[in-house]
N, C-alpha and C. Protein backbone atom coordinates (compact mmCIF):
# COMPACT_ATOMS: atom_id res chain seq x y z
N UNK A 1 -6.64 -75.34 -39.62
CA UNK A 1 -6.10 -74.45 -40.62
C UNK A 1 -5.75 -73.13 -39.93
N UNK A 2 -4.51 -72.75 -40.02
CA UNK A 2 -4.06 -71.53 -39.37
C UNK A 2 -4.26 -70.30 -40.24
N UNK A 3 -3.98 -70.42 -41.52
CA UNK A 3 -4.13 -69.26 -42.39
C UNK A 3 -4.51 -69.71 -43.79
N UNK A 4 -4.99 -68.77 -44.57
CA UNK A 4 -5.40 -69.05 -45.93
C UNK A 4 -4.86 -67.94 -46.82
N UNK A 5 -4.38 -68.30 -47.99
CA UNK A 5 -3.88 -67.32 -48.93
C UNK A 5 -5.01 -66.36 -49.30
N UNK A 6 -4.68 -65.09 -49.44
CA UNK A 6 -5.70 -64.08 -49.72
C UNK A 6 -6.38 -64.32 -51.07
N UNK A 7 -5.66 -64.84 -52.05
CA UNK A 7 -6.26 -65.11 -53.35
C UNK A 7 -7.31 -66.22 -53.25
N UNK A 8 -7.03 -67.23 -52.46
CA UNK A 8 -8.00 -68.32 -52.27
C UNK A 8 -9.23 -67.80 -51.54
N UNK A 9 -9.03 -67.01 -50.52
CA UNK A 9 -10.15 -66.45 -49.77
C UNK A 9 -11.01 -65.55 -50.66
N UNK A 10 -10.38 -64.75 -51.49
CA UNK A 10 -11.12 -63.86 -52.39
C UNK A 10 -11.91 -64.66 -53.41
N UNK A 11 -11.31 -65.71 -53.96
CA UNK A 11 -12.00 -66.56 -54.93
C UNK A 11 -13.21 -67.25 -54.29
N UNK A 12 -13.04 -67.73 -53.08
CA UNK A 12 -14.16 -68.38 -52.38
C UNK A 12 -15.26 -67.38 -52.09
N UNK A 13 -14.91 -66.18 -51.65
CA UNK A 13 -15.89 -65.15 -51.35
C UNK A 13 -16.67 -64.78 -52.62
N UNK A 14 -15.96 -64.66 -53.74
CA UNK A 14 -16.63 -64.34 -55.00
C UNK A 14 -17.57 -65.44 -55.45
N UNK A 15 -17.15 -66.69 -55.30
CA UNK A 15 -18.00 -67.82 -55.69
C UNK A 15 -19.25 -67.89 -54.83
N UNK A 16 -19.10 -67.63 -53.54
CA UNK A 16 -20.26 -67.63 -52.64
C UNK A 16 -21.22 -66.51 -53.04
N UNK A 17 -20.70 -65.37 -53.41
CA UNK A 17 -21.55 -64.26 -53.84
C UNK A 17 -22.30 -64.56 -55.12
N UNK A 18 -21.62 -65.20 -56.08
CA UNK A 18 -22.27 -65.56 -57.33
C UNK A 18 -23.38 -66.57 -57.09
N UNK A 19 -23.08 -67.58 -56.29
CA UNK A 19 -24.09 -68.60 -56.00
C UNK A 19 -25.27 -67.99 -55.23
N UNK A 20 -25.01 -67.09 -54.30
CA UNK A 20 -26.08 -66.44 -53.56
C UNK A 20 -26.96 -65.58 -54.44
N UNK A 21 -26.34 -64.84 -55.33
CA UNK A 21 -27.09 -63.99 -56.26
C UNK A 21 -27.96 -64.83 -57.17
N UNK A 22 -27.40 -65.91 -57.71
CA UNK A 22 -28.17 -66.79 -58.59
C UNK A 22 -29.32 -67.45 -57.83
N UNK A 23 -29.06 -67.89 -56.62
CA UNK A 23 -30.11 -68.53 -55.82
C UNK A 23 -31.24 -67.56 -55.51
N UNK A 24 -30.91 -66.34 -55.14
CA UNK A 24 -31.95 -65.34 -54.86
C UNK A 24 -32.76 -65.03 -56.12
N UNK A 25 -32.09 -64.95 -57.25
CA UNK A 25 -32.80 -64.71 -58.51
C UNK A 25 -33.77 -65.82 -58.82
N UNK A 26 -33.34 -67.06 -58.60
CA UNK A 26 -34.23 -68.19 -58.87
C UNK A 26 -35.41 -68.19 -57.91
N UNK A 27 -35.15 -67.90 -56.63
CA UNK A 27 -36.22 -67.94 -55.64
C UNK A 27 -37.18 -66.75 -55.76
N UNK A 28 -36.65 -65.56 -55.95
CA UNK A 28 -37.49 -64.36 -55.97
C UNK A 28 -38.19 -64.12 -57.30
N UNK A 29 -37.52 -64.47 -58.39
CA UNK A 29 -38.06 -64.13 -59.70
C UNK A 29 -38.44 -65.35 -60.54
N UNK A 30 -38.30 -66.55 -59.99
CA UNK A 30 -38.71 -67.75 -60.70
C UNK A 30 -37.92 -68.04 -61.96
N UNK A 31 -36.63 -67.80 -61.93
CA UNK A 31 -35.79 -68.00 -63.12
C UNK A 31 -35.25 -69.42 -63.17
N UNK A 32 -36.05 -70.41 -62.89
CA UNK A 32 -35.59 -71.80 -62.82
C UNK A 32 -35.33 -72.41 -64.21
N UNK A 33 -35.99 -71.96 -65.23
CA UNK A 33 -35.84 -72.58 -66.55
C UNK A 33 -34.43 -72.46 -67.10
N UNK A 34 -33.75 -71.39 -66.77
CA UNK A 34 -32.44 -71.13 -67.35
C UNK A 34 -31.29 -71.50 -66.43
N UNK A 35 -31.53 -72.41 -65.52
CA UNK A 35 -30.49 -72.76 -64.54
C UNK A 35 -29.25 -73.33 -65.22
N UNK A 36 -29.44 -74.20 -66.18
CA UNK A 36 -28.26 -74.80 -66.85
C UNK A 36 -27.45 -73.76 -67.60
N UNK A 37 -28.13 -72.86 -68.29
CA UNK A 37 -27.41 -71.82 -69.03
C UNK A 37 -26.66 -70.90 -68.07
N UNK A 38 -27.28 -70.58 -66.95
CA UNK A 38 -26.63 -69.72 -65.97
C UNK A 38 -25.39 -70.40 -65.40
N UNK A 39 -25.49 -71.68 -65.10
CA UNK A 39 -24.34 -72.42 -64.58
C UNK A 39 -23.22 -72.47 -65.61
N UNK A 40 -23.58 -72.67 -66.87
CA UNK A 40 -22.56 -72.69 -67.93
C UNK A 40 -21.87 -71.34 -68.03
N UNK A 41 -22.65 -70.26 -67.96
CA UNK A 41 -22.05 -68.92 -68.04
C UNK A 41 -21.12 -68.66 -66.86
N UNK A 42 -21.57 -69.02 -65.67
CA UNK A 42 -20.74 -68.81 -64.48
C UNK A 42 -19.46 -69.63 -64.56
N UNK A 43 -19.56 -70.87 -65.04
CA UNK A 43 -18.38 -71.71 -65.17
C UNK A 43 -17.41 -71.13 -66.19
N UNK A 44 -17.93 -70.65 -67.34
CA UNK A 44 -17.04 -70.12 -68.35
C UNK A 44 -16.38 -68.83 -67.88
N UNK A 45 -17.10 -68.00 -67.11
CA UNK A 45 -16.49 -66.80 -66.55
C UNK A 45 -15.41 -67.15 -65.54
N UNK A 46 -15.67 -68.16 -64.73
CA UNK A 46 -14.67 -68.58 -63.74
C UNK A 46 -13.42 -69.10 -64.41
N UNK A 47 -13.59 -69.85 -65.49
CA UNK A 47 -12.44 -70.38 -66.23
C UNK A 47 -11.68 -69.23 -66.89
N UNK A 48 -12.41 -68.26 -67.45
CA UNK A 48 -11.75 -67.14 -68.13
C UNK A 48 -10.95 -66.29 -67.14
N UNK A 49 -11.44 -66.16 -65.91
CA UNK A 49 -10.74 -65.35 -64.91
C UNK A 49 -9.53 -66.06 -64.35
N UNK A 50 -9.49 -67.39 -64.43
CA UNK A 50 -8.39 -68.15 -63.82
C UNK A 50 -7.13 -68.10 -64.61
């Protein structure tokens, strides 16, 4: 791959940040019970932004 569109790179960077933040929250604060709700919220926000 020689180059990547800036919009795709930005979207990937944002998704990695969201997943990292959620993972740290689950590991540091024990927020495992609400994992499904968090995933649903993240998915709906991603769809709304698209």
